Amino acid sequence: MAAQAEDPNKVWALDALKARGEKVYAANCVACHQASGQGVKGTFPALDGSKIVTGPKEAQIDRVLNGKQGTAMAAFGTQLSDTDIAAAITYTRNSWGNKTGEAVQPAEVKSQRK
């Protein structure tokens, strides 16, 4: 897989990560969290305004890598590359009403893998 061959130490610009993240989000996240980031009330939480999405990066990286037990939130750590996870997180942290201005780099995801 080409994604695995990417250098996780490459530093990406926020705009480049966000653009890639929009594609990763559309392919992996949109069914539950919706294109609007509003989720499905009572089933899938909204990402727009979420404390995990707008809070410390480490918590969101952990959630995407490892999922959340007892919920429908799947672990994407074995399915997506460090770059794709970083891109999707960067997209959600800088979309809808979320304006963190932060990019999550692939190396940050790599360092949190267990």
PDB file of N, CA and C in Angstrom:
ATOM      1  N   MET A   1       0.843  -1.179   0.000  1.00  0.00           N
ATOM      2  CA  MET A   1       0.000   0.000   0.000  1.00  0.00           C
ATOM      3  C   MET A   1       0.892   1.247   0.000  1.00  0.00           C
ATOM      4  N   ALA A   2       0.584   2.183  -0.856  1.00  0.00           N
ATOM      5  CA  ALA A   2       1.384   3.392  -1.010  1.00  0.00           C
ATOM      6  C   ALA A   2       1.380   4.237   0.265  1.00  0.00           C
ATOM      7  N   ALA A   3       0.253   4.270   0.955  1.00  0.00           N
ATOM      8  CA  ALA A   3       0.146   5.101   2.150  1.00  0.00           C
ATOM      9  C   ALA A   3       1.164   4.685   3.211  1.00  0.00           C
ATOM     10  N   GLN A   4       1.425   3.404   3.330  1.00  0.00           N
ATOM     11  CA  GLN A   4       2.370   2.929   4.333  1.00  0.00           C
ATOM     12  C   GLN A   4       3.796   3.344   3.992  1.00  0.00           C
ATOM     13  N   ALA A   5       4.072   3.586   2.723  1.00  0.00           N
ATOM     14  CA  ALA A   5       5.421   3.929   2.296  1.00  0.00           C
ATOM     15  C   ALA A   5       5.757   5.395   2.553  1.00  0.00           C
ATOM     16  N   GLU A   6       4.764   6.211   2.868  1.00  0.00           N
ATOM     17  CA  GLU A   6       5.006   7.632   3.105  1.00  0.00           C
ATOM     18  C   GLU A   6       5.854   7.837   4.352  1.00  0.00           C
ATOM     19  N   ASP A   7       6.661   8.850   4.313  1.00  0.00           N
ATOM     20  CA  ASP A   7       7.527   9.182   5.433  1.00  0.00           C
ATOM     21  C   ASP A   7       6.691   9.844   6.534  1.00  0.00           C
ATOM     22  N   PRO A   8       6.546   9.194   7.702  1.00  0.00           N
ATOM     23  CA  PRO A   8       5.737   9.794   8.767  1.00  0.00           C
ATOM     24  C   PRO A   8       6.412  11.023   9.383  1.00  0.00           C
ATOM     25  N   ASN A   9       7.677  11.252   9.052  1.00  0.00           N
ATOM     26  CA  ASN A   9       8.380  12.417   9.592  1.00  0.00           C
ATOM     27  C   ASN A   9       8.260  13.655   8.707  1.00  0.00           C
ATOM     28  N   LYS A  10       7.625  13.489   7.536  1.00  0.00           N
ATOM     29  CA  LYS A  10       7.410  14.643   6.664  1.00  0.00           C
ATOM     30  C   LYS A  10       6.509  15.641   7.397  1.00  0.00           C
ATOM     31  N   VAL A  11       6.871  16.911   7.322  1.00  0.00           N
ATOM     32  CA  VAL A  11       6.054  17.961   7.930  1.00  0.00           C
ATOM     33  C   VAL A  11       5.183  18.569   6.833  1.00  0.00           C
ATOM     34  N   TRP A  12       3.893  18.536   7.057  1.00  0.00           N
ATOM     35  CA  TRP A  12       2.908  19.000   6.082  1.00  0.00           C
ATOM     36  C   TRP A  12       2.400  20.393   6.470  1.00  0.00           C
ATOM     37  N   ALA A  13       2.046  21.164   5.457  1.00  0.00           N
ATOM     38  CA  ALA A  13       1.374  22.436   5.691  1.00  0.00           C
ATOM     39  C   ALA A  13      -0.074  22.162   6.075  1.00  0.00           C
ATOM     40  N   LEU A  14      -0.656  23.021   6.891  1.00  0.00           N
ATOM     41  CA  LEU A  14      -2.031  22.843   7.333  1.00  0.00           C
ATOM     42  C   LEU A  14      -2.981  22.680   6.151  1.00  0.00           C
ATOM     43  N   ASP A  15      -2.873  23.531   5.151  1.00  0.00           N
ATOM     44  CA  ASP A  15      -3.804  23.465   4.010  1.00  0.00           C
ATOM     45  C   ASP A  15      -3.703  22.144   3.261  1.00  0.00           C
ATOM     46  N   ALA A  16      -2.479  21.619   3.114  1.00  0.00           N
ATOM     47  CA  ALA A  16      -2.301  20.342   2.411  1.00  0.00           C
ATOM     48  C   ALA A  16      -2.890  19.196   3.221  1.00  0.00           C
ATOM     49  N   LEU A  17      -2.690  19.208   4.529  1.00  0.00           N
ATOM     50  CA  LEU A  17      -3.274  18.168   5.373  1.00  0.00           C
ATOM     51  C   LEU A  17      -4.790  18.256   5.376  1.00  0.00           C
ATOM     52  N   LYS A  18      -5.317  19.464   5.448  1.00  0.00           N
ATOM     53  CA  LYS A  18      -6.765  19.637   5.479  1.00  0.00           C
ATOM     54  C   LYS A  18      -7.402  19.140   4.180  1.00  0.00           C
ATOM     55  N   ALA A  19      -6.774  19.435   3.049  1.00  0.00           N
ATOM     56  CA  ALA A  19      -7.311  18.985   1.756  1.00  0.00           C
ATOM     57  C   ALA A  19      -7.307  17.456   1.681  1.00  0.00           C
ATOM     58  N   ARG A  20      -6.210  16.839   2.110  1.00  0.00           N
ATOM     59  CA  ARG A  20      -6.156  15.374   2.113  1.00  0.00           C
ATOM     60  C   ARG A  20      -7.151  14.816   3.135  1.00  0.00           C
ATOM     61  N   GLY A  21      -7.232  15.473   4.268  1.00  0.00           N
ATOM     62  CA  GLY A  21      -8.134  15.022   5.323  1.00  0.00           C
ATOM     63  C   GLY A  21      -9.591  15.041   4.919  1.00  0.00           C
ATOM     64  N   GLU A  22      -9.955  15.980   4.078  1.00  0.00           N
ATOM     65  CA  GLU A  22     -11.343  16.026   3.600  1.00  0.00           C
ATOM     66  C   GLU A  22     -11.674  14.752   2.837  1.00  0.00           C
ATOM     67  N   LYS A  23     -10.726  14.251   2.042  1.00  0.00           N
ATOM     68  CA  LYS A  23     -10.931  13.008   1.289  1.00  0.00           C
ATOM     69  C   LYS A  23     -10.975  11.796   2.223  1.00  0.00           C
ATOM     70  N   VAL A  24     -10.071  11.760   3.201  1.00  0.00           N
ATOM     71  CA  VAL A  24     -10.054  10.653   4.161  1.00  0.00           C
ATOM     72  C   VAL A  24     -11.353  10.650   4.973  1.00  0.00           C
ATOM     73  N   TYR A  25     -11.790  11.825   5.395  1.00  0.00           N
ATOM     74  CA  TYR A  25     -13.043  11.958   6.147  1.00  0.00           C
ATOM     75  C   TYR A  25     -14.219  11.464   5.316  1.00  0.00           C
ATOM     76  N   ALA A  26     -14.266  11.874   4.049  1.00  0.00           N
ATOM     77  CA  ALA A  26     -15.362  11.457   3.167  1.00  0.00           C
ATOM     78  C   ALA A  26     -15.394   9.939   2.995  1.00  0.00           C
ATOM     79  N   ALA A  27     -14.230   9.306   2.971  1.00  0.00           N
ATOM     80  CA  ALA A  27     -14.159   7.862   2.757  1.00  0.00           C
ATOM     81  C   ALA A  27     -14.392   7.050   4.034  1.00  0.00           C
ATOM     82  N   ASN A  28     -14.109   7.618   5.204  1.00  0.00           N
ATOM     83  CA  ASN A  28     -14.115   6.816   6.432  1.00  0.00           C
ATOM     84  C   ASN A  28     -15.007   7.317   7.563  1.00  0.00           C
ATOM     85  N   CYS A  29     -15.358   8.587   7.570  1.00  0.00           N
ATOM     86  CA  CYS A  29     -16.013   9.173   8.738  1.00  0.00           C
ATOM     87  C   CYS A  29     -17.412   9.716   8.464  1.00  0.00           C
ATOM     88  N   VAL A  30     -17.651  10.109   7.210  1.00  0.00           N
ATOM     89  CA  VAL A  30     -18.860  10.867   6.882  1.00  0.00           C
ATOM     90  C   VAL A  30     -20.146  10.070   7.118  1.00  0.00           C
ATOM     91  N   ALA A  31     -20.114   8.759   6.982  1.00  0.00           N
ATOM     92  CA  ALA A  31     -21.328   7.958   7.163  1.00  0.00           C
ATOM     93  C   ALA A  31     -21.906   8.138   8.569  1.00  0.00           C
ATOM     94  N   CYS A  32     -21.042   8.250   9.552  1.00  0.00           N
ATOM     95  CA  CYS A  32     -21.506   8.418  10.935  1.00  0.00           C
ATOM     96  C   CYS A  32     -21.576   9.885  11.356  1.00  0.00           C
ATOM     97  N   HIS A  33     -20.503  10.621  11.087  1.00  0.00           N
ATOM     98  CA  HIS A  33     -20.416  11.989  11.604  1.00  0.00           C
ATOM     99  C   HIS A  33     -20.978  13.036  10.646  1.00  0.00           C
ATOM    100  N   GLN A  34     -21.361  12.604   9.434  1.00  0.00           N
ATOM    101  CA  GLN A  34     -22.037  13.445   8.449  1.00  0.00           C
ATOM    102  C   GLN A  34     -21.124  14.512   7.839  1.00  0.00           C
ATOM    103  N   ALA A  35     -21.462  14.948   6.630  1.00  0.00           N
ATOM    104  CA  ALA A  35     -20.681  15.960   5.918  1.00  0.00           C
ATOM    105  C   ALA A  35     -20.670  17.282   6.686  1.00  0.00           C
ATOM    106  N   SER A  36     -21.731  17.522   7.447  1.00  0.00           N
ATOM    107  CA  SER A  36     -21.858  18.759   8.218  1.00  0.00           C
ATOM    108  C   SER A  36     -21.080  18.719   9.530  1.00  0.00           C
ATOM    109  N   GLY A  37     -20.576  17.525   9.907  1.00  0.00           N
ATOM    110  CA  GLY A  37     -19.913  17.368  11.189  1.00  0.00           C
ATOM    111  C   GLY A  37     -20.884  17.307  12.357  1.00  0.00           C
ATOM    112  N   GLN A  38     -22.193  17.250  12.048  1.00  0.00           N
ATOM    113  CA  GLN A  38     -23.211  17.277  13.095  1.00  0.00           C
ATOM    114  C   GLN A  38     -23.565  15.901  13.656  1.00  0.00           C
ATOM    115  N   GLY A  39     -23.040  14.825  13.036  1.00  0.00           N
ATOM    116  CA  GLY A  39     -23.336  13.484  13.522  1.00  0.00           C
ATOM    117  C   GLY A  39     -24.809  13.137  13.381  1.00  0.00           C
ATOM    118  N   VAL A  40     -25.229  12.110  14.105  1.00  0.00           N
ATOM    119  CA  VAL A  40     -26.630  11.689  14.139  1.00  0.00           C
ATOM    120  C   VAL A  40     -27.032  11.679  15.607  1.00  0.00           C
ATOM    121  N   LYS A  41     -27.915  12.598  15.975  1.00  0.00           N
ATOM    122  CA  LYS A  41     -28.285  12.792  17.378  1.00  0.00           C
ATOM    123  C   LYS A  41     -28.635  11.465  18.051  1.00  0.00           C
ATOM    124  N   GLY A  42     -28.006  11.231  19.191  1.00  0.00           N
ATOM    125  CA  GLY A  42     -28.276  10.025  19.964  1.00  0.00           C
ATOM    126  C   GLY A  42     -27.526   8.788  19.512  1.00  0.00           C
ATOM    127  N   THR A  43     -26.868   8.864  18.351  1.00  0.00           N
ATOM    128  CA  THR A  43     -26.161   7.699  17.826  1.00  0.00           C
ATOM    129  C   THR A  43     -24.692   7.981  17.581  1.00  0.00           C
ATOM    130  N   PHE A  44     -24.421   9.012  16.784  1.00  0.00           N
ATOM    131  CA  PHE A  44     -23.047   9.383  16.445  1.00  0.00           C
ATOM    132  C   PHE A  44     -22.846  10.842  16.823  1.00  0.00           C
ATOM    133  N   PRO A  45     -21.897  11.132  17.699  1.00  0.00           N
ATOM    134  CA  PRO A  45     -21.749  12.514  18.171  1.00  0.00           C
ATOM    135  C   PRO A  45     -21.274  13.478  17.090  1.00  0.00           C
ATOM    136  N   ALA A  46     -21.669  14.719  17.279  1.00  0.00           N
ATOM    137  CA  ALA A  46     -21.202  15.783  16.394  1.00  0.00           C
ATOM    138  C   ALA A  46     -19.718  16.013  16.623  1.00  0.00           C
ATOM    139  N   LEU A  47     -18.992  16.295  15.550  1.00  0.00           N
ATOM    140  CA  LEU A  47     -17.586  16.687  15.655  1.00  0.00           C
ATOM    141  C   LEU A  47     -17.465  18.204  15.669  1.00  0.00           C
ATOM    142  N   ASP A  48     -18.449  18.865  15.081  1.00  0.00           N
ATOM    143  CA  ASP A  48     -18.490  20.325  15.076  1.00  0.00           C
ATOM    144  C   ASP A  48     -18.736  20.792  16.508  1.00  0.00           C
ATOM    145  N   GLY A  49     -17.750  21.454  17.099  1.00  0.00           N
ATOM    146  CA  GLY A  49     -17.881  21.930  18.467  1.00  0.00           C
ATOM    147  C   GLY A  49     -17.533  20.899  19.532  1.00  0.00           C
ATOM    148  N   SER A  50     -17.118  19.711  19.132  1.00  0.00           N
ATOM    149  CA  SER A  50     -16.777  18.645  20.074  1.00  0.00           C
ATOM    150  C   SER A  50     -15.573  19.031  20.936  1.00  0.00           C
ATOM    151  N   LYS A  51     -15.656  18.708  22.238  1.00  0.00           N
ATOM    152  CA  LYS A  51     -14.538  18.991  23.146  1.00  0.00           C
ATOM    153  C   LYS A  51     -13.315  18.154  22.785  1.00  0.00           C
ATOM    154  N   ILE A  52     -13.523  16.954  22.260  1.00  0.00           N
ATOM    155  CA  ILE A  52     -12.370  16.128  21.858  1.00  0.00           C
ATOM    156  C   ILE A  52     -11.710  16.729  20.622  1.00  0.00           C
ATOM    157  N   VAL A  53     -12.510  17.199  19.683  1.00  0.00           N
ATOM    158  CA  VAL A  53     -11.963  17.751  18.441  1.00  0.00           C
ATOM    159  C   VAL A  53     -11.293  19.101  18.672  1.00  0.00           C
ATOM    160  N   THR A  54     -11.824  19.903  19.560  1.00  0.00           N
ATOM    161  CA  THR A  54     -11.262  21.234  19.777  1.00  0.00           C
ATOM    162  C   THR A  54     -10.309  21.287  20.974  1.00  0.00           C
ATOM    163  N   GLY A  55     -10.203  20.201  21.704  1.00  0.00           N
ATOM    164  CA  GLY A  55      -9.323  20.144  22.866  1.00  0.00           C
ATOM    165  C   GLY A  55      -7.909  19.707  22.498  1.00  0.00           C
ATOM    166  N   PRO A  56      -7.166  19.164  23.473  1.00  0.00           N
ATOM    167  CA  PRO A  56      -5.793  18.717  23.210  1.00  0.00           C
ATOM    168  C   PRO A  56      -5.736  17.673  22.090  1.00  0.00           C
ATOM    169  N   LYS A  57      -4.772  17.850  21.203  1.00  0.00           N
ATOM    170  CA  LYS A  57      -4.646  16.960  20.041  1.00  0.00           C
ATOM    171  C   LYS A  57      -4.512  15.496  20.446  1.00  0.00           C
ATOM    172  N   GLU A  58      -3.794  15.243  21.524  1.00  0.00           N
ATOM    173  CA  GLU A  58      -3.497  13.872  21.927  1.00  0.00           C
ATOM    174  C   GLU A  58      -4.762  13.051  22.174  1.00  0.00           C
ATOM    175  N   ALA A  59      -5.785  13.666  22.739  1.00  0.00           N
ATOM    176  CA  ALA A  59      -7.034  12.954  23.018  1.00  0.00           C
ATOM    177  C   ALA A  59      -7.725  12.538  21.717  1.00  0.00           C
ATOM    178  N   GLN A  60      -7.723  13.430  20.736  1.00  0.00           N
ATOM    179  CA  GLN A  60      -8.366  13.091  19.465  1.00  0.00           C
ATOM    180  C   GLN A  60      -7.557  12.040  18.709  1.00  0.00           C
ATOM    181  N   ILE A  61      -6.243  12.157  18.742  1.00  0.00           N
ATOM    182  CA  ILE A  61      -5.401  11.149  18.086  1.00  0.00           C
ATOM    183  C   ILE A  61      -5.681   9.779  18.704  1.00  0.00           C
ATOM    184  N   ASP A  62      -5.744   9.722  20.029  1.00  0.00           N
ATOM    185  CA  ASP A  62      -6.023   8.454  20.716  1.00  0.00           C
ATOM    186  C   ASP A  62      -7.380   7.898  20.301  1.00  0.00           C
ATOM    187  N   ARG A  63      -8.384   8.754  20.222  1.00  0.00           N
ATOM    188  CA  ARG A  63      -9.742   8.297  19.873  1.00  0.00           C
ATOM    189  C   ARG A  63      -9.773   7.711  18.463  1.00  0.00           C
ATOM    190  N   VAL A  64      -9.112   8.373  17.514  1.00  0.00           N
ATOM    191  CA  VAL A  64      -9.128   7.879  16.133  1.00  0.00           C
ATOM    192  C   VAL A  64      -8.278   6.604  16.013  1.00  0.00           C
ATOM    193  N   LEU A  65      -7.150   6.566  16.666  1.00  0.00           N
ATOM    194  CA  LEU A  65      -6.303   5.366  16.614  1.00  0.00           C
ATOM    195  C   LEU A  65      -6.973   4.159  17.257  1.00  0.00           C
ATOM    196  N   ASN A  66      -7.574   4.362  18.446  1.00  0.00           N
ATOM    197  CA  ASN A  66      -8.014   3.240  19.276  1.00  0.00           C
ATOM    198  C   ASN A  66      -9.521   3.091  19.411  1.00  0.00           C
ATOM    199  N   GLY A  67     -10.292   4.034  18.865  1.00  0.00           N
ATOM    200  CA  GLY A  67     -11.740   3.960  18.980  1.00  0.00           C
ATOM    201  C   GLY A  67     -12.200   4.227  20.406  1.00  0.00           C
ATOM    202  N   LYS A  68     -13.471   3.950  20.675  1.00  0.00           N
ATOM    203  CA  LYS A  68     -14.015   4.101  22.021  1.00  0.00           C
ATOM    204  C   LYS A  68     -14.852   2.877  22.327  1.00  0.00           C
ATOM    205  N   GLN A  69     -14.377   2.108  23.303  1.00  0.00           N
ATOM    206  CA  GLN A  69     -15.054   0.875  23.671  1.00  0.00           C
ATOM    207  C   GLN A  69     -16.476   1.157  24.124  1.00  0.00           C
ATOM    208  N   GLY A  70     -17.389   0.272  23.733  1.00  0.00           N
ATOM    209  CA  GLY A  70     -18.781   0.418  24.123  1.00  0.00           C
ATOM    210  C   GLY A  70     -19.573   1.360  23.242  1.00  0.00           C
ATOM    211  N   THR A  71     -18.925   1.879  22.182  1.00  0.00           N
ATOM    212  CA  THR A  71     -19.618   2.765  21.246  1.00  0.00           C
ATOM    213  C   THR A  71     -19.369   2.264  19.823  1.00  0.00           C
ATOM    214  N   ALA A  72     -19.963   2.945  18.870  1.00  0.00           N
ATOM    215  CA  ALA A  72     -19.747   2.583  17.463  1.00  0.00           C
ATOM    216  C   ALA A  72     -18.442   3.147  16.913  1.00  0.00           C
ATOM    217  N   MET A  73     -17.711   3.932  17.724  1.00  0.00           N
ATOM    218  CA  MET A  73     -16.464   4.533  17.239  1.00  0.00           C
ATOM    219  C   MET A  73     -15.398   3.452  17.080  1.00  0.00           C
ATOM    220  N   ALA A  74     -15.091   3.170  15.830  1.00  0.00           N
ATOM    221  CA  ALA A  74     -14.109   2.140  15.508  1.00  0.00           C
ATOM    222  C   ALA A  74     -12.692   2.670  15.671  1.00  0.00           C
ATOM    223  N   ALA A  75     -11.772   1.741  15.859  1.00  0.00           N
ATOM    224  CA  ALA A  75     -10.347   2.079  15.887  1.00  0.00           C
ATOM    225  C   ALA A  75      -9.836   2.079  14.453  1.00  0.00           C
ATOM    226  N   PHE A  76      -9.211   3.170  14.039  1.00  0.00           N
ATOM    227  CA  PHE A  76      -8.698   3.270  12.674  1.00  0.00           C
ATOM    228  C   PHE A  76      -7.181   3.076  12.616  1.00  0.00           C
ATOM    229  N   GLY A  77      -6.556   2.761  13.731  1.00  0.00           N
ATOM    230  CA  GLY A  77      -5.114   2.612  13.793  1.00  0.00           C
ATOM    231  C   GLY A  77      -4.554   1.533  12.886  1.00  0.00           C
ATOM    232  N   THR A  78      -5.327   0.465  12.666  1.00  0.00           N
ATOM    233  CA  THR A  78      -4.838  -0.606  11.798  1.00  0.00           C
ATOM    234  C   THR A  78      -5.279  -0.414  10.347  1.00  0.00           C
ATOM    235  N   GLN A  79      -6.203   0.499  10.111  1.00  0.00           N
ATOM    236  CA  GLN A  79      -6.757   0.692   8.767  1.00  0.00           C
ATOM    237  C   GLN A  79      -6.123   1.849   8.009  1.00  0.00           C
ATOM    238  N   LEU A  80      -5.731   2.899   8.736  1.00  0.00           N
ATOM    239  CA  LEU A  80      -5.246   4.113   8.083  1.00  0.00           C
ATOM    240  C   LEU A  80      -3.798   4.400   8.458  1.00  0.00           C
ATOM    241  N   SER A  81      -3.091   5.026   7.551  1.00  0.00           N
ATOM    242  CA  SER A  81      -1.695   5.413   7.786  1.00  0.00           C
ATOM    243  C   SER A  81      -1.628   6.585   8.756  1.00  0.00           C
ATOM    244  N   ASP A  82      -0.440   6.822   9.298  1.00  0.00           N
ATOM    245  CA  ASP A  82      -0.229   7.978  10.172  1.00  0.00           C
ATOM    246  C   ASP A  82      -0.611   9.264   9.447  1.00  0.00           C
ATOM    247  N   THR A  83      -0.252   9.341   8.168  1.00  0.00           N
ATOM    248  CA  THR A  83      -0.554  10.548   7.390  1.00  0.00           C
ATOM    249  C   THR A  83      -2.047  10.724   7.202  1.00  0.00           C
ATOM    250  N   ASP A  84      -2.765   9.647   6.897  1.00  0.00           N
ATOM    251  CA  ASP A  84      -4.212   9.759   6.700  1.00  0.00           C
ATOM    252  C   ASP A  84      -4.930  10.124   7.998  1.00  0.00           C
ATOM    253  N   ILE A  85      -4.497   9.556   9.106  1.00  0.00           N
ATOM    254  CA  ILE A  85      -5.110   9.898  10.392  1.00  0.00           C
ATOM    255  C   ILE A  85      -4.808  11.356  10.737  1.00  0.00           C
ATOM    256  N   ALA A  86      -3.563  11.780  10.555  1.00  0.00           N
ATOM    257  CA  ALA A  86      -3.209  13.181  10.822  1.00  0.00           C
ATOM    258  C   ALA A  86      -4.033  14.121   9.952  1.00  0.00           C
ATOM    259  N   ALA A  87      -4.211  13.746   8.704  1.00  0.00           N
ATOM    260  CA  ALA A  87      -4.975  14.588   7.775  1.00  0.00           C
ATOM    261  C   ALA A  87      -6.441  14.681   8.197  1.00  0.00           C
ATOM    262  N   ALA A  88      -7.051  13.556   8.524  1.00  0.00           N
ATOM    263  CA  ALA A  88      -8.464  13.561   8.925  1.00  0.00           C
ATOM    264  C   ALA A  88      -8.663  14.387  10.196  1.00  0.00           C
ATOM    265  N   ILE A  89      -7.753  14.245  11.150  1.00  0.00           N
ATOM    266  CA  ILE A  89      -7.863  15.014  12.390  1.00  0.00           C
ATOM    267  C   ILE A  89      -7.663  16.502  12.111  1.00  0.00           C
ATOM    268  N   THR A  90      -6.683  16.831  11.283  1.00  0.00           N
ATOM    269  CA  THR A  90      -6.471  18.239  10.926  1.00  0.00           C
ATOM    270  C   THR A  90      -7.720  18.804  10.267  1.00  0.00           C
ATOM    271  N   TYR A  91      -8.330  18.018   9.375  1.00  0.00           N
ATOM    272  CA  TYR A  91      -9.569  18.464   8.706  1.00  0.00           C
ATOM    273  C   TYR A  91     -10.660  18.761   9.735  1.00  0.00           C
ATOM    274  N   THR A  92     -10.892  17.838  10.670  1.00  0.00           N
ATOM    275  CA  THR A  92     -11.991  18.046  11.620  1.00  0.00           C
ATOM    276  C   THR A  92     -11.698  19.190  12.595  1.00  0.00           C
ATOM    277  N   ARG A  93     -10.430  19.422  12.914  1.00  0.00           N
ATOM    278  CA  ARG A  93     -10.071  20.498  13.842  1.00  0.00           C
ATOM    279  C   ARG A  93     -10.171  21.883  13.187  1.00  0.00           C
ATOM    280  N   ASN A  94     -10.327  21.905  11.863  1.00  0.00           N
ATOM    281  CA  ASN A  94     -10.335  23.170  11.121  1.00  0.00           C
ATOM    282  C   ASN A  94     -11.500  23.269  10.141  1.00  0.00           C
ATOM    283  N   SER A  95     -12.597  22.579  10.450  1.00  0.00           N
ATOM    284  CA  SER A  95     -13.776  22.606   9.581  1.00  0.00           C
ATOM    285  C   SER A  95     -15.004  22.969  10.402  1.00  0.00           C
ATOM    286  N   TRP A  96     -16.074  23.326   9.666  1.00  0.00           N
ATOM    287  CA  TRP A  96     -17.340  23.717  10.282  1.00  0.00           C
ATOM    288  C   TRP A  96     -17.087  24.895  11.224  1.00  0.00           C
ATOM    289  N   GLY A  97     -17.469  24.788  12.483  1.00  0.00           N
ATOM    290  CA  GLY A  97     -17.216  25.860  13.445  1.00  0.00           C
ATOM    291  C   GLY A  97     -15.894  25.690  14.183  1.00  0.00           C
ATOM    292  N   ASN A  98     -15.191  24.603  13.890  1.00  0.00           N
ATOM    293  CA  ASN A  98     -13.911  24.333  14.560  1.00  0.00           C
ATOM    294  C   ASN A  98     -12.803  25.110  13.859  1.00  0.00           C
ATOM    295  N   LYS A  99     -12.146  25.970  14.587  1.00  0.00           N
ATOM    296  CA  LYS A  99     -11.100  26.812  14.000  1.00  0.00           C
ATOM    297  C   LYS A  99      -9.865  26.790  14.895  1.00  0.00           C
ATOM    298  N   THR A 100      -9.289  25.604  15.109  1.00  0.00           N
ATOM    299  CA  THR A 100      -8.129  25.521  16.010  1.00  0.00           C
ATOM    300  C   THR A 100      -6.883  26.127  15.385  1.00  0.00           C
ATOM    301  N   GLY A 101      -6.809  26.120  14.053  1.00  0.00           N
ATOM    302  CA  GLY A 101      -5.609  26.601  13.387  1.00  0.00           C
ATOM    303  C   GLY A 101      -4.431  25.652  13.545  1.00  0.00           C
ATOM    304  N   GLU A 102      -4.692  24.465  14.067  1.00  0.00           N
ATOM    305  CA  GLU A 102      -3.627  23.495  14.314  1.00  0.00           C
ATOM    306  C   GLU A 102      -3.607  22.406  13.257  1.00  0.00           C
ATOM    307  N   ALA A 103      -2.409  22.050  12.855  1.00  0.00           N
ATOM    308  CA  ALA A 103      -2.214  20.879  12.008  1.00  0.00           C
ATOM    309  C   ALA A 103      -1.679  19.758  12.895  1.00  0.00           C
ATOM    310  N   VAL A 104      -2.168  18.548  12.673  1.00  0.00           N
ATOM    311  CA  VAL A 104      -1.635  17.373  13.359  1.00  0.00           C
ATOM    312  C   VAL A 104      -0.713  16.689  12.360  1.00  0.00           C
ATOM    313  N   GLN A 105       0.530  16.510  12.739  1.00  0.00           N
ATOM    314  CA  GLN A 105       1.525  15.919  11.846  1.00  0.00           C
ATOM    315  C   GLN A 105       1.547  14.393  11.989  1.00  0.00           C
ATOM    316  N   PRO A 106       1.885  13.683  10.909  1.00  0.00           N
ATOM    317  CA  PRO A 106       1.965  12.222  10.973  1.00  0.00           C
ATOM    318  C   PRO A 106       2.870  11.717  12.101  1.00  0.00           C
ATOM    319  N   ALA A 107       3.959  12.419  12.389  1.00  0.00           N
ATOM    320  CA  ALA A 107       4.862  11.989  13.456  1.00  0.00           C
ATOM    321  C   ALA A 107       4.171  11.998  14.824  1.00  0.00           C
ATOM    322  N   GLU A 108       3.203  12.906  15.016  1.00  0.00           N
ATOM    323  CA  GLU A 108       2.454  12.948  16.269  1.00  0.00           C
ATOM    324  C   GLU A 108       1.578  11.708  16.403  1.00  0.00           C
ATOM    325  N   VAL A 109       0.988  11.276  15.285  1.00  0.00           N
ATOM    326  CA  VAL A 109       0.172  10.062  15.297  1.00  0.00           C
ATOM    327  C   VAL A 109       1.065   8.862  15.549  1.00  0.00           C
ATOM    328  N   LYS A 110       2.173   8.790  14.838  1.00  0.00           N
ATOM    329  CA  LYS A 110       3.106   7.672  14.993  1.00  0.00           C
ATOM    330  C   LYS A 110       3.555   7.521  16.447  1.00  0.00           C
ATOM    331  N   SER A 111       3.823   8.631  17.109  1.00  0.00           N
ATOM    332  CA  SER A 111       4.317   8.567  18.487  1.00  0.00           C
ATOM    333  C   SER A 111       3.263   8.078  19.476  1.00  0.00           C
ATOM    334  N   GLN A 112       1.987   8.160  19.101  1.00  0.00           N
ATOM    335  CA  GLN A 112       0.915   7.712  19.997  1.00  0.00           C
ATOM    336  C   GLN A 112       0.446   6.289  19.712  1.00  0.00           C
ATOM    337  N   ARG A 113       0.921   5.685  18.650  1.00  0.00           N
ATOM    338  CA  ARG A 113       0.525   4.301  18.372  1.00  0.00           C
ATOM    339  C   ARG A 113       1.019   3.391  19.489  1.00  0.00           C
ATOM    340  N   LYS A 114       0.171   2.422  19.874  1.00  0.00           N
ATOM    341  CA  LYS A 114       0.563   1.511  20.958  1.00  0.00           C
ATOM    342  C   LYS A 114       1.049   0.200  20.401  1.00  0.00           C
TER     343      LYS A 114
END
